[in-house]
C-alpha atoms as a PDB file:
ATOM      1  CA  MET A   1      76.515  89.948 161.612  1.00  0.00           C
ATOM      2  CA  LEU A   2      76.672  87.776 158.899  1.00  0.00           C
ATOM      3  CA  LYS A   3      80.400  86.447 157.586  1.00  0.00           C
ATOM      4  CA  VAL A   4      81.935  87.546 155.256  1.00  0.00           C
ATOM      5  CA  GLU A   5      84.495  86.342 152.004  1.00  0.00           C
ATOM      6  CA  ILE A   6      86.923  87.936 149.575  1.00  0.00           C
ATOM      7  CA  HIS A   7      87.457  86.796 146.155  1.00  0.00           C
ATOM      8  CA  PRO A   8      90.875  87.220 145.791  1.00  0.00           C
ATOM      9  CA  GLU A   9      90.697  89.304 142.920  1.00  0.00           C
ATOM     10  CA  ALA A  10      89.343  91.888 145.310  1.00  0.00           C
ATOM     11  CA  GLN A  11      91.962  91.503 147.488  1.00  0.00           C
ATOM     12  CA  ALA A  12      94.739  92.008 144.866  1.00  0.00           C
ATOM     13  CA  GLU A  13      93.068  95.316 143.795  1.00  0.00           C
ATOM     14  CA  LEU A  14      92.466  96.385 147.367  1.00  0.00           C
ATOM     15  CA  ASP A  15      96.445  95.545 147.458  1.00  0.00           C
ATOM     16  CA  ALA A  16      97.431  97.965 144.571  1.00  0.00           C
ATOM     17  CA  ALA A  17      95.434 100.927 145.532  1.00  0.00           C
ATOM     18  CA  ILE A  18      96.582 101.334 149.092  1.00  0.00           C
ATOM     19  CA  VAL A  19     100.114 100.445 146.995  1.00  0.00           C
ATOM     20  CA  TRP A  20      98.583 103.310 144.496  1.00  0.00           C
ATOM     21  CA  TYR A  21      97.607 106.160 147.672  1.00  0.00           C
ATOM     22  CA  GLU A  22     100.309 104.503 149.944  1.00  0.00           C
ATOM     23  CA  GLN A  23     103.533 106.266 147.474  1.00  0.00           C
ATOM     24  CA  GLU A  24     101.149 108.926 146.499  1.00  0.00           C
ATOM     25  CA  ARG A  25     100.949 110.248 150.152  1.00  0.00           C
ATOM     26  CA  LYS A  26     102.250 108.189 153.463  1.00  0.00           C
ATOM     27  CA  GLY A  27      99.335 107.275 155.550  1.00  0.00           C
ATOM     28  CA  LEU A  28      97.293 107.764 152.771  1.00  0.00           C
ATOM     29  CA  GLY A  29      97.042 103.812 151.747  1.00  0.00           C
ATOM     30  CA  LEU A  30      95.920 102.447 154.721  1.00  0.00           C
ATOM     31  CA  ASP A  31      93.289 105.757 155.088  1.00  0.00           C
ATOM     32  CA  LEU A  32      91.882 103.330 152.156  1.00  0.00           C
ATOM     33  CA  LEU A  33      92.315 100.484 153.654  1.00  0.00           C
ATOM     34  CA  GLU A  34      90.945 101.653 156.936  1.00  0.00           C
ATOM     35  CA  GLU A  35      86.920 102.886 155.219  1.00  0.00           C
ATOM     36  CA  VAL A  36      87.255  99.881 153.253  1.00  0.00           C
ATOM     37  CA  ASP A  37      87.048  97.463 156.021  1.00  0.00           C
ATOM     38  CA  ARG A  38      84.188 100.699 157.431  1.00  0.00           C
ATOM     39  CA  ALA A  39      81.880 100.054 154.281  1.00  0.00           C
ATOM     40  CA  ILE A  40      82.247  95.506 154.742  1.00  0.00           C
ATOM     41  CA  GLY A  41      81.486  95.882 158.302  1.00  0.00           C
ATOM     42  CA  LYS A  42      78.213  97.968 156.778  1.00  0.00           C
ATOM     43  CA  ALA A  43      77.705  95.518 154.165  1.00  0.00           C
ATOM     44  CA  MET A  44      77.525  92.863 157.008  1.00  0.00           C
ATOM     45  CA  ARG A  45      75.400  95.305 159.675  1.00  0.00           C
ATOM     46  CA  GLN A  46      72.483  95.711 157.003  1.00  0.00           C
ATOM     47  CA  PRO A  47      73.450  93.768 153.786  1.00  0.00           C
ATOM     48  CA  ASP A  48      69.680  94.263 151.710  1.00  0.00           C
ATOM     49  CA  VAL A  49      69.688  99.039 152.638  1.00  0.00           C
ATOM     50  CA  TRP A  50      72.841  99.290 149.900  1.00  0.00           C
ATOM     51  CA  ARG A  51      71.947  99.986 146.452  1.00  0.00           C
ATOM     52  CA  SER A  52      71.502  96.635 144.926  1.00  0.00           C
ATOM     53  CA  TYR A  53      72.221  96.209 141.323  1.00  0.00           C
ATOM     54  CA  ALA A  54      68.385  96.240 139.467  1.00  0.00           C
ATOM     55  CA  THR A  55      69.675  92.768 137.075  1.00  0.00           C
ATOM     56  CA  LEU A  56      71.625  90.404 139.602  1.00  0.00           C
ATOM     57  CA  ALA A  57      70.864  88.556 142.381  1.00  0.00           C
ATOM     58  CA  ASN A  58      71.807  89.956 145.946  1.00  0.00           C
ATOM     59  CA  LEU A  59      74.446  91.683 144.403  1.00  0.00           C
ATOM     60  CA  HIS A  60      74.935  95.151 146.160  1.00  0.00           C
ATOM     61  CA  ARG A  61      77.515  98.220 145.538  1.00  0.00           C
ATOM     62  CA  LEU A  62      78.925 100.850 148.230  1.00  0.00           C
ATOM     63  CA  ASN A  63      79.982 103.319 147.820  1.00  0.00           C
ATOM     64  CA  VAL A  64      83.931 104.076 149.903  1.00  0.00           C
ATOM     65  CA  ARG A  65      84.235 107.566 151.726  1.00  0.00           C
ATOM     66  CA  ARG A  66      86.480 109.994 150.503  1.00  0.00           C
ATOM     67  CA  PHE A  67      87.723 107.899 148.017  1.00  0.00           C
ATOM     68  CA  PRO A  68      87.286 107.112 144.183  1.00  0.00           C
ATOM     69  CA  TYR A  69      86.300 102.985 144.924  1.00  0.00           C
ATOM     70  CA  CYS A  70      82.795 101.121 145.739  1.00  0.00           C
ATOM     71  CA  VAL A  71      82.681  96.957 147.529  1.00  0.00           C
ATOM     72  CA  ILE A  72      80.507  95.294 145.200  1.00  0.00           C
ATOM     73  CA  TYR A  73      79.095  92.737 147.588  1.00  0.00           C
ATOM     74  CA  ARG A  74      76.738  89.167 147.510  1.00  0.00           C
ATOM     75  CA  ARG A  75      75.105  88.058 150.140  1.00  0.00           C
ATOM     76  CA  GLN A  76      74.435  85.308 150.225  1.00  0.00           C
ATOM     77  CA  HIS A  77      72.090  83.551 153.026  1.00  0.00           C
ATOM     78  CA  ALA A  78      74.507  84.135 156.738  1.00  0.00           C
ATOM     79  CA  MET A  79      77.662  85.373 153.982  1.00  0.00           C
ATOM     80  CA  VAL A  80      78.677  88.631 152.304  1.00  0.00           C
ATOM     81  CA  THR A  81      80.915  88.479 149.490  1.00  0.00           C
ATOM     82  CA  VAL A  82      82.625  90.905 148.615  1.00  0.00           C
ATOM     83  CA  VAL A  83      82.734  90.821 144.463  1.00  0.00           C
ATOM     84  CA  ALA A  84      85.469  93.870 143.635  1.00  0.00           C
ATOM     85  CA  VAL A  85      86.842  96.963 145.385  1.00  0.00           C
ATOM     86  CA  ALA A  86      86.617  98.461 142.486  1.00  0.00           C
ATOM     87  CA  HIS A  87      87.334 101.885 140.526  1.00  0.00           C
ATOM     88  CA  GLN A  88      84.010 104.093 140.263  1.00  0.00           C
ATOM     89  CA  ARG A  89      85.131 105.816 137.069  1.00  0.00           C
ATOM     90  CA  ARG A  90      87.489 102.846 135.427  1.00  0.00           C
ATOM     91  CA  LYS A  91      85.524 100.032 133.662  1.00  0.00           C
ATOM     92  CA  PRO A  92      81.753  99.153 134.990  1.00  0.00           C
ATOM     93  CA  GLY A  93      80.855  96.400 135.156  1.00  0.00           C
ATOM     94  CA  TYR A  94      84.689  94.038 134.829  1.00  0.00           C
ATOM     95  CA  TRP A  95      83.736  92.218 137.498  1.00  0.00           C
ATOM     96  CA  ARG A  96      80.840  90.451 135.849  1.00  0.00           C
ATOM     97  CA  SER A  97      82.683  87.698 135.597  1.00  0.00           C
ATOM     98  CA  ARG A  98      83.734  86.848 138.879  1.00  0.00           C
ATOM     99  CA  LEU A  99      80.003  85.945 139.568  1.00  0.00           C
ATOM    100  CA  GLY A 100      79.174  82.642 137.747  1.00  0.00           C
ATOM    101  CA  ASN A 101      77.859  81.759 134.382  1.00  0.00           C
ATOM    102  CA  SER A 102      73.916  81.813 135.547  1.00  0.00           C
ATOM    103  CA  ASP A 103      74.271  85.510 136.636  1.00  0.00           C
ATOM    104  CA  ASN A 104      76.899  86.416 134.779  1.00  0.00           C
ATOM    105  CA  GLN A 105      74.348  88.939 132.140  1.00  0.00           C
END
């Protein structure tokens, strides 16, 4: 299995979403965390199976069950880097600046 690294801004997105859902209903934020962890686990086990972005090298998107979020990650050698935990209905592509200059097209 590959190792995982989470971009600090992706972690901040996840933390904010957990707080929001927890305020909506106690325990719902933890449910979101479990689903995101499950999605990241899938990415670590089978990183190339999930939907890829055609224009961005080694970048994939995996939808989170039960919640309108997706995990956007990059596979590089023995590492999966989570670039964003993105809400599916807000600002598509906002996270591209996190990729670096050569992939930010």
